């Protein structure tokens, strides 16, 4: 039987343990280094991502500001356009109404006194109230109104005799159907305008007996 050398076995085991410990230490060192690299890389990525996020947020803020400004400019432009359209429509409507009133006034002879002119809803009809010295004066007035290009139809709605002191007159009410009139057309240019150059319209003071 071969003799067993304990000293050699101890030396072999010691050498093996030393190699295992060195190997484990190297593995631990490598793991520590890897963890350090991962930590450094993660920190660098977070910094890069944070910087990119801040840059994107800044760009988004600028874009949002530009969109807000563009929206305000668009709303201002729309408001200006609506205001211009409204003013144009108002000017057109005002021009129409003035042309109607001019026709009503200019066609009135000197023996006609107008007391009220009202327009219907939609400006399709005018109601003219007033006083006439006689039915002949009222007939002359309605004839002049029919000669204009402003009114499509002229009808006497109501008549009644009235008296102020010793003066007898005719209360009347007329219904005038309007024609569509362009803004630049004017009843002053029709034939009745030249035939109706009369004295200014005046309303008698009924209470005073004149």
C-alpha atoms as a PDB file:
ATOM      1  CA  UNK A   1       0.000   0.000   0.000  1.00  0.00           C
ATOM      2  CA  UNK A   2       1.319   3.357  -1.070  1.00  0.00           C
ATOM      3  CA  UNK A   3       1.913   5.733   1.815  1.00  0.00           C
ATOM      4  CA  UNK A   4      -0.467   8.812   1.988  1.00  0.00           C
ATOM      5  CA  UNK A   5       1.269  12.193   2.052  1.00  0.00           C
ATOM      6  CA  UNK A   6      -0.842  14.547   4.153  1.00  0.00           C
ATOM      7  CA  UNK A   7       1.481  17.489   3.608  1.00  0.00           C
ATOM      8  CA  UNK A   8       1.131  17.268  -0.156  1.00  0.00           C
ATOM      9  CA  UNK A   9      -2.650  17.012   0.114  1.00  0.00           C
ATOM     10  CA  UNK A  10      -2.788  20.082   2.337  1.00  0.00           C
ATOM     11  CA  UNK A  11      -0.672  22.019  -0.114  1.00  0.00           C
ATOM     12  CA  UNK A  12      -2.885  20.926  -3.023  1.00  0.00           C
ATOM     13  CA  UNK A  13      -6.076  21.894  -1.169  1.00  0.00           C
ATOM     14  CA  UNK A  14      -4.583  25.216  -0.168  1.00  0.00           C
ATOM     15  CA  UNK A  15      -3.611  25.968  -3.756  1.00  0.00           C
ATOM     16  CA  UNK A  16      -7.102  24.985  -4.985  1.00  0.00           C
ATOM     17  CA  UNK A  17      -8.788  27.198  -2.387  1.00  0.00           C
ATOM     18  CA  UNK A  18      -6.512  30.070  -3.327  1.00  0.00           C
ATOM     19  CA  UNK A  19      -7.466  29.690  -6.991  1.00  0.00           C
ATOM     20  CA  UNK A  20     -11.177  29.552  -6.116  1.00  0.00           C
ATOM     21  CA  UNK A  21     -10.905  32.643  -3.952  1.00  0.00           C
ATOM     22  CA  UNK A  22      -8.998  34.536  -6.650  1.00  0.00           C
ATOM     23  CA  UNK A  23     -11.582  33.494  -9.221  1.00  0.00           C
ATOM     24  CA  UNK A  24     -14.438  34.606  -6.995  1.00  0.00           C
ATOM     25  CA  UNK A  25     -12.694  37.894  -6.283  1.00  0.00           C
ATOM     26  CA  UNK A  26     -12.244  38.501  -9.993  1.00  0.00           C
ATOM     27  CA  UNK A  27     -15.898  37.718 -10.612  1.00  0.00           C
ATOM     28  CA  UNK A  28     -16.925  40.077  -7.818  1.00  0.00           C
ATOM     29  CA  UNK A  29     -14.638  42.783  -9.200  1.00  0.00           C
ATOM     30  CA  UNK A  30     -16.029  42.308 -12.699  1.00  0.00           C
ATOM     31  CA  UNK A  31     -19.585  42.476 -11.320  1.00  0.00           C
ATOM     32  CA  UNK A  32     -18.785  45.647  -9.402  1.00  0.00           C
ATOM     33  CA  UNK A  33     -17.226  47.222 -12.475  1.00  0.00           C
ATOM     34  CA  UNK A  34     -20.240  46.194 -14.610  1.00  0.00           C
ATOM     35  CA  UNK A  35     -22.621  47.657 -12.057  1.00  0.00           C
ATOM     36  CA  UNK A  36     -20.625  50.864 -11.998  1.00  0.00           C
ATOM     37  CA  UNK A  37     -20.704  51.048 -15.798  1.00  0.00           C
ATOM     38  CA  UNK A  38     -24.440  50.371 -15.841  1.00  0.00           C
ATOM     39  CA  UNK A  39     -25.003  53.076 -13.216  1.00  0.00           C
ATOM     40  CA  UNK A  40     -22.882  55.580 -15.128  1.00  0.00           C
ATOM     41  CA  UNK A  41     -24.641  54.698 -18.390  1.00  0.00           C
ATOM     42  CA  UNK A  42     -28.069  54.965 -16.790  1.00  0.00           C
ATOM     43  CA  UNK A  43     -27.194  58.349 -15.285  1.00  0.00           C
ATOM     44  CA  UNK A  44     -25.913  59.583 -18.648  1.00  0.00           C
ATOM     45  CA  UNK A  45     -29.069  58.308 -20.375  1.00  0.00           C
ATOM     46  CA  UNK A  46     -31.273  60.015 -17.816  1.00  0.00           C
ATOM     47  CA  UNK A  47     -29.396  63.250 -18.287  1.00  0.00           C
ATOM     48  CA  UNK A  48     -29.665  62.947 -22.066  1.00  0.00           C
ATOM     49  CA  UNK A  49     -33.347  62.051 -21.906  1.00  0.00           C
ATOM     50  CA  UNK A  50     -34.002  64.900 -19.473  1.00  0.00           C
ATOM     51  CA  UNK A  51     -32.220  67.386 -21.729  1.00  0.00           C
ATOM     52  CA  UNK A  52     -34.142  66.102 -24.760  1.00  0.00           C
ATOM     53  CA  UNK A  53     -37.414  66.269 -22.823  1.00  0.00           C
ATOM     54  CA  UNK A  54     -36.691  69.850 -21.799  1.00  0.00           C
ATOM     55  CA  UNK A  55     -35.873  70.734 -25.384  1.00  0.00           C
ATOM     56  CA  UNK A  56     -39.081  69.096 -26.625  1.00  0.00           C
ATOM     57  CA  UNK A  57     -41.112  70.835 -23.918  1.00  0.00           C
ATOM     58  CA  UNK A  58     -39.576  74.159 -24.882  1.00  0.00           C
ATOM     59  CA  UNK A  59     -40.400  73.536 -28.544  1.00  0.00           C
ATOM     60  CA  UNK A  60     -43.949  72.539 -27.624  1.00  0.00           C
ATOM     61  CA  UNK A  61     -44.353  75.696 -25.539  1.00  0.00           C
ATOM     62  CA  UNK A  62     -43.180  77.821 -28.480  1.00  0.00           C
ATOM     63  CA  UNK A  63     -45.552  75.979 -30.839  1.00  0.00           C
ATOM     64  CA  UNK A  64     -48.427  76.384 -28.394  1.00  0.00           C
ATOM     65  CA  UNK A  65     -47.684  80.094 -28.089  1.00  0.00           C
ATOM     66  CA  UNK A  66     -47.598  80.432 -31.865  1.00  0.00           C
ATOM     67  CA  UNK A  67     -50.906  78.540 -32.145  1.00  0.00           C
ATOM     68  CA  UNK A  68     -52.489  80.782 -29.513  1.00  0.00           C
ATOM     69  CA  UNK A  69     -51.276  83.899 -31.286  1.00  0.00           C
ATOM     70  CA  UNK A  70     -52.457  82.571 -34.648  1.00  0.00           C
ATOM     71  CA  UNK A  71     -55.860  81.734 -33.121  1.00  0.00           C
ATOM     72  CA  UNK A  72     -56.136  85.247 -31.716  1.00  0.00           C
ATOM     73  CA  UNK A  73     -55.182  86.772 -35.057  1.00  0.00           C
ATOM     74  CA  UNK A  74     -57.750  84.549 -36.803  1.00  0.00           C
ATOM     75  CA  UNK A  75     -60.465  85.533 -34.323  1.00  0.00           C
ATOM     76  CA  UNK A  76     -59.526  89.190 -34.743  1.00  0.00           C
ATOM     77  CA  UNK A  77     -59.667  88.834 -38.531  1.00  0.00           C
ATOM     78  CA  UNK A  78     -63.055  87.107 -38.292  1.00  0.00           C
ATOM     79  CA  UNK A  79     -64.353  89.815 -35.966  1.00  0.00           C
ATOM     80  CA  UNK A  80     -63.117  92.520 -38.342  1.00  0.00           C
ATOM     81  CA  UNK A  81     -64.689  90.756 -41.300  1.00  0.00           C
ATOM     82  CA  UNK A  82     -68.001  90.329 -39.447  1.00  0.00           C
ATOM     83  CA  UNK A  83     -67.897  93.987 -38.422  1.00  0.00           C
ATOM     84  CA  UNK A  84     -67.267  95.064 -42.006  1.00  0.00           C
ATOM     85  CA  UNK A  85     -70.121  92.867 -43.247  1.00  0.00           C
ATOM     86  CA  UNK A  86     -72.404  94.207 -40.514  1.00  0.00           C
ATOM     87  CA  UNK A  87     -71.494  97.805 -41.318  1.00  0.00           C
ATOM     88  CA  UNK A  88     -72.043  97.165 -45.013  1.00  0.00           C
ATOM     89  CA  UNK A  89     -75.431  95.606 -44.344  1.00  0.00           C
ATOM     90  CA  UNK A  90     -76.360  98.408 -41.955  1.00  0.00           C
ATOM     91  CA  UNK A  91     -75.323 101.010 -44.520  1.00  0.00           C
ATOM     92  CA  UNK A  92     -77.339  99.229 -47.201  1.00  0.00           C
ATOM     93  CA  UNK A  93     -80.424  98.981 -44.967  1.00  0.00           C
ATOM     94  CA  UNK A  94     -80.067 102.609 -43.909  1.00  0.00           C
ATOM     95  CA  UNK A  95     -79.741 103.650 -47.540  1.00  0.00           C
ATOM     96  CA  UNK A  96     -82.896 101.724 -48.427  1.00  0.00           C
ATOM     97  CA  UNK A  97     -84.888 103.287 -45.606  1.00  0.00           C
ATOM     98  CA  UNK A  98     -83.683 106.777 -46.437  1.00  0.00           C
ATOM     99  CA  UNK A  99     -84.656 106.257 -50.063  1.00  0.00           C
ATOM    100  CA  UNK A 100     -88.141 105.151 -48.997  1.00  0.00           C
ATOM    101  CA  UNK A 101     -88.568 108.181 -46.735  1.00  0.00           C
ATOM    102  CA  UNK A 102     -87.276 110.516 -49.436  1.00  0.00           C
ATOM    103  CA  UNK A 103     -89.828 109.149 -51.878  1.00  0.00           C
ATOM    104  CA  UNK A 104     -92.669 109.518 -49.364  1.00  0.00           C
ATOM    105  CA  UNK A 105     -91.681 113.089 -48.495  1.00  0.00           C
ATOM    106  CA  UNK A 106     -90.791 114.343 -51.960  1.00  0.00           C
ATOM    107  CA  UNK A 107     -94.036 113.115 -53.496  1.00  0.00           C
ATOM    108  CA  UNK A 108     -96.174 114.990 -50.973  1.00  0.00           C
ATOM    109  CA  UNK A 109     -97.766 118.182 -52.382  1.00  0.00           C
ATOM    110  CA  UNK A 110     -98.094 121.333 -50.325  1.00  0.00           C
ATOM    111  CA  UNK A 111    -101.633 120.549 -49.190  1.00  0.00           C
ATOM    112  CA  UNK A 112    -100.590 117.219 -47.623  1.00  0.00           C
ATOM    113  CA  UNK A 113     -99.243 116.987 -44.064  1.00  0.00           C
ATOM    114  CA  UNK A 114     -97.527 113.784 -42.970  1.00  0.00           C
ATOM    115  CA  UNK A 115     -97.790 112.802 -39.325  1.00  0.00           C
ATOM    116  CA  UNK A 116     -96.262 109.302 -39.195  1.00  0.00           C
ATOM    117  CA  UNK A 117     -94.351 106.831 -41.369  1.00  0.00           C
ATOM    118  CA  UNK A 118     -93.924 103.253 -40.134  1.00  0.00           C
ATOM    119  CA  UNK A 119     -92.234 100.250 -41.726  1.00  0.00           C
ATOM    120  CA  UNK A 120     -93.443  96.682 -41.349  1.00  0.00           C
ATOM    121  CA  UNK A 121     -91.316  93.778 -40.154  1.00  0.00           C
ATOM    122  CA  UNK A 122     -88.960  92.841 -42.951  1.00  0.00           C
ATOM    123  CA  UNK A 123     -89.225  96.282 -44.576  1.00  0.00           C
ATOM    124  CA  UNK A 124     -91.743  95.115 -47.186  1.00  0.00           C
ATOM    125  CA  UNK A 125     -94.479  97.644 -46.415  1.00  0.00           C
ATOM    126  CA  UNK A 126     -94.743 101.258 -45.320  1.00  0.00           C
ATOM    127  CA  UNK A 127     -97.716 102.770 -43.528  1.00  0.00           C
ATOM    128  CA  UNK A 128     -98.071 106.523 -44.051  1.00  0.00           C
ATOM    129  CA  UNK A 129    -100.479 108.546 -41.912  1.00  0.00           C
ATOM    130  CA  UNK A 130    -101.284 112.187 -42.493  1.00  0.00           C
ATOM    131  CA  UNK A 131    -103.828 114.872 -43.293  1.00  0.00           C
ATOM    132  CA  UNK A 132    -104.967 116.257 -46.640  1.00  0.00           C
ATOM    133  CA  UNK A 133    -106.842 119.450 -47.434  1.00  0.00           C
ATOM    134  CA  UNK A 134    -109.128 117.507 -49.759  1.00  0.00           C
ATOM    135  CA  UNK A 135    -109.605 114.175 -51.485  1.00  0.00           C
ATOM    136  CA  UNK A 136    -108.155 115.741 -54.656  1.00  0.00           C
ATOM    137  CA  UNK A 137    -104.904 116.457 -52.802  1.00  0.00           C
ATOM    138  CA  UNK A 138    -104.847 112.885 -51.500  1.00  0.00           C
ATOM    139  CA  UNK A 139    -105.477 111.554 -55.015  1.00  0.00           C
ATOM    140  CA  UNK A 140    -102.610 113.680 -56.340  1.00  0.00           C
ATOM    141  CA  UNK A 141    -100.324 112.318 -53.623  1.00  0.00           C
ATOM    142  CA  UNK A 142    -101.179 108.665 -54.325  1.00  0.00           C
ATOM    143  CA  UNK A 143    -100.737 109.222 -58.072  1.00  0.00           C
ATOM    144  CA  UNK A 144     -97.248 110.614 -57.524  1.00  0.00           C
ATOM    145  CA  UNK A 145     -96.370 107.684 -55.294  1.00  0.00           C
ATOM    146  CA  UNK A 146     -97.507 105.225 -57.974  1.00  0.00           C
ATOM    147  CA  UNK A 147     -95.261 106.938 -60.530  1.00  0.00           C
ATOM    148  CA  UNK A 148     -92.138 106.230 -58.510  1.00  0.00           C
ATOM    149  CA  UNK A 149     -89.927 103.156 -58.964  1.00  0.00           C
ATOM    150  CA  UNK A 150     -89.833 102.652 -55.199  1.00  0.00           C
ATOM    151  CA  UNK A 151     -93.347 101.391 -54.487  1.00  0.00           C
ATOM    152  CA  UNK A 152     -94.891  98.360 -56.086  1.00  0.00           C
ATOM    153  CA  UNK A 153     -98.403  99.070 -54.864  1.00  0.00           C
ATOM    154  CA  UNK A 154    -100.114 102.092 -53.239  1.00  0.00           C
ATOM    155  CA  UNK A 155    -103.399 101.594 -51.442  1.00  0.00           C
ATOM    156  CA  UNK A 156    -105.566 103.883 -49.334  1.00  0.00           C
ATOM    157  CA  UNK A 157    -106.171 101.981 -46.113  1.00  0.00           C
ATOM    158  CA  UNK A 158    -108.409 104.455 -44.321  1.00  0.00           C
ATOM    159  CA  UNK A 159    -109.865 107.951 -44.649  1.00  0.00           C
ATOM    160  CA  UNK A 160    -111.915 110.087 -42.292  1.00  0.00           C
ATOM    161  CA  UNK A 161    -112.991 113.707 -42.077  1.00  0.00           C
ATOM    162  CA  UNK A 162    -111.509 115.843 -39.327  1.00  0.00           C
ATOM    163  CA  UNK A 163    -111.899 119.419 -38.243  1.00  0.00           C
ATOM    164  CA  UNK A 164    -109.582 121.897 -36.543  1.00  0.00           C
ATOM    165  CA  UNK A 165    -111.414 125.100 -35.798  1.00  0.00           C
ATOM    166  CA  UNK A 166    -113.018 126.128 -39.048  1.00  0.00           C
ATOM    167  CA  UNK A 167    -110.657 123.999 -41.158  1.00  0.00           C
ATOM    168  CA  UNK A 168    -111.956 120.688 -42.461  1.00  0.00           C
ATOM    169  CA  UNK A 169    -109.370 118.119 -43.533  1.00  0.00           C
ATOM    170  CA  UNK A 170    -109.114 114.448 -44.436  1.00  0.00           C
ATOM    171  CA  UNK A 171    -107.271 112.063 -42.167  1.00  0.00           C
ATOM    172  CA  UNK A 172    -105.749 109.269 -44.249  1.00  0.00           C
ATOM    173  CA  UNK A 173    -103.651 106.162 -43.928  1.00  0.00           C
ATOM    174  CA  UNK A 174    -101.763 104.630 -46.869  1.00  0.00           C
ATOM    175  CA  UNK A 175    -100.217 101.201 -47.311  1.00  0.00           C
ATOM    176  CA  UNK A 176     -97.173 101.270 -49.610  1.00  0.00           C
ATOM    177  CA  UNK A 177     -95.714  97.983 -50.815  1.00  0.00           C
ATOM    178  CA  UNK A 178     -91.993  98.350 -51.439  1.00  0.00           C
ATOM    179  CA  UNK A 179     -89.971  97.196 -54.399  1.00  0.00           C
ATOM    180  CA  UNK A 180     -86.451  95.761 -53.953  1.00  0.00           C
ATOM    181  CA  UNK A 181     -84.092  98.707 -54.404  1.00  0.00           C
ATOM    182  CA  UNK A 182     -80.302  98.628 -54.815  1.00  0.00           C
ATOM    183  CA  UNK A 183     -78.149 100.773 -52.568  1.00  0.00           C
ATOM    184  CA  UNK A 184     -77.100 103.193 -55.289  1.00  0.00           C
ATOM    185  CA  UNK A 185     -80.645 103.705 -56.612  1.00  0.00           C
ATOM    186  CA  UNK A 186     -82.504 106.689 -55.286  1.00  0.00           C
ATOM    187  CA  UNK A 187     -86.146 107.664 -55.611  1.00  0.00           C
ATOM    188  CA  UNK A 188     -84.992 111.246 -55.987  1.00  0.00           C
ATOM    189  CA  UNK A 189     -84.017 110.376 -59.540  1.00  0.00           C
ATOM    190  CA  UNK A 190     -87.484 109.201 -60.625  1.00  0.00           C
ATOM    191  CA  UNK A 191     -90.068 111.288 -62.469  1.00  0.00           C
ATOM    192  CA  UNK A 192     -92.150 112.001 -59.414  1.00  0.00           C
ATOM    193  CA  UNK A 193     -89.290 113.717 -57.666  1.00  0.00           C
ATOM    194  CA  UNK A 194     -89.134 116.451 -60.257  1.00  0.00           C
ATOM    195  CA  UNK A 195     -92.917 116.835 -60.225  1.00  0.00           C
ATOM    196  CA  UNK A 196     -93.045 117.192 -56.439  1.00  0.00           C
ATOM    197  CA  UNK A 197     -90.826 120.197 -55.790  1.00  0.00           C
ATOM    198  CA  UNK A 198     -93.171 121.774 -53.294  1.00  0.00           C
ATOM    199  CA  UNK A 199     -93.066 123.721 -50.054  1.00  0.00           C
ATOM    200  CA  UNK A 200     -91.647 122.000 -46.949  1.00  0.00           C
ATOM    201  CA  UNK A 201     -93.971 119.580 -45.170  1.00  0.00           C
ATOM    202  CA  UNK A 202     -95.630 120.985 -42.073  1.00  0.00           C
ATOM    203  CA  UNK A 203     -98.122 119.530 -39.590  1.00  0.00           C
ATOM    204  CA  UNK A 204    -100.927 121.859 -38.477  1.00  0.00           C
ATOM    205  CA  UNK A 205    -101.401 122.504 -34.813  1.00  0.00           C
ATOM    206  CA  UNK A 206    -104.850 120.988 -34.422  1.00  0.00           C
ATOM    207  CA  UNK A 207    -105.135 121.965 -30.760  1.00  0.00           C
ATOM    208  CA  UNK A 208    -104.433 125.594 -31.630  1.00  0.00           C
ATOM    209  CA  UNK A 209    -107.123 125.755 -34.283  1.00  0.00           C
ATOM    210  CA  UNK A 210    -104.795 126.460 -37.196  1.00  0.00           C
END
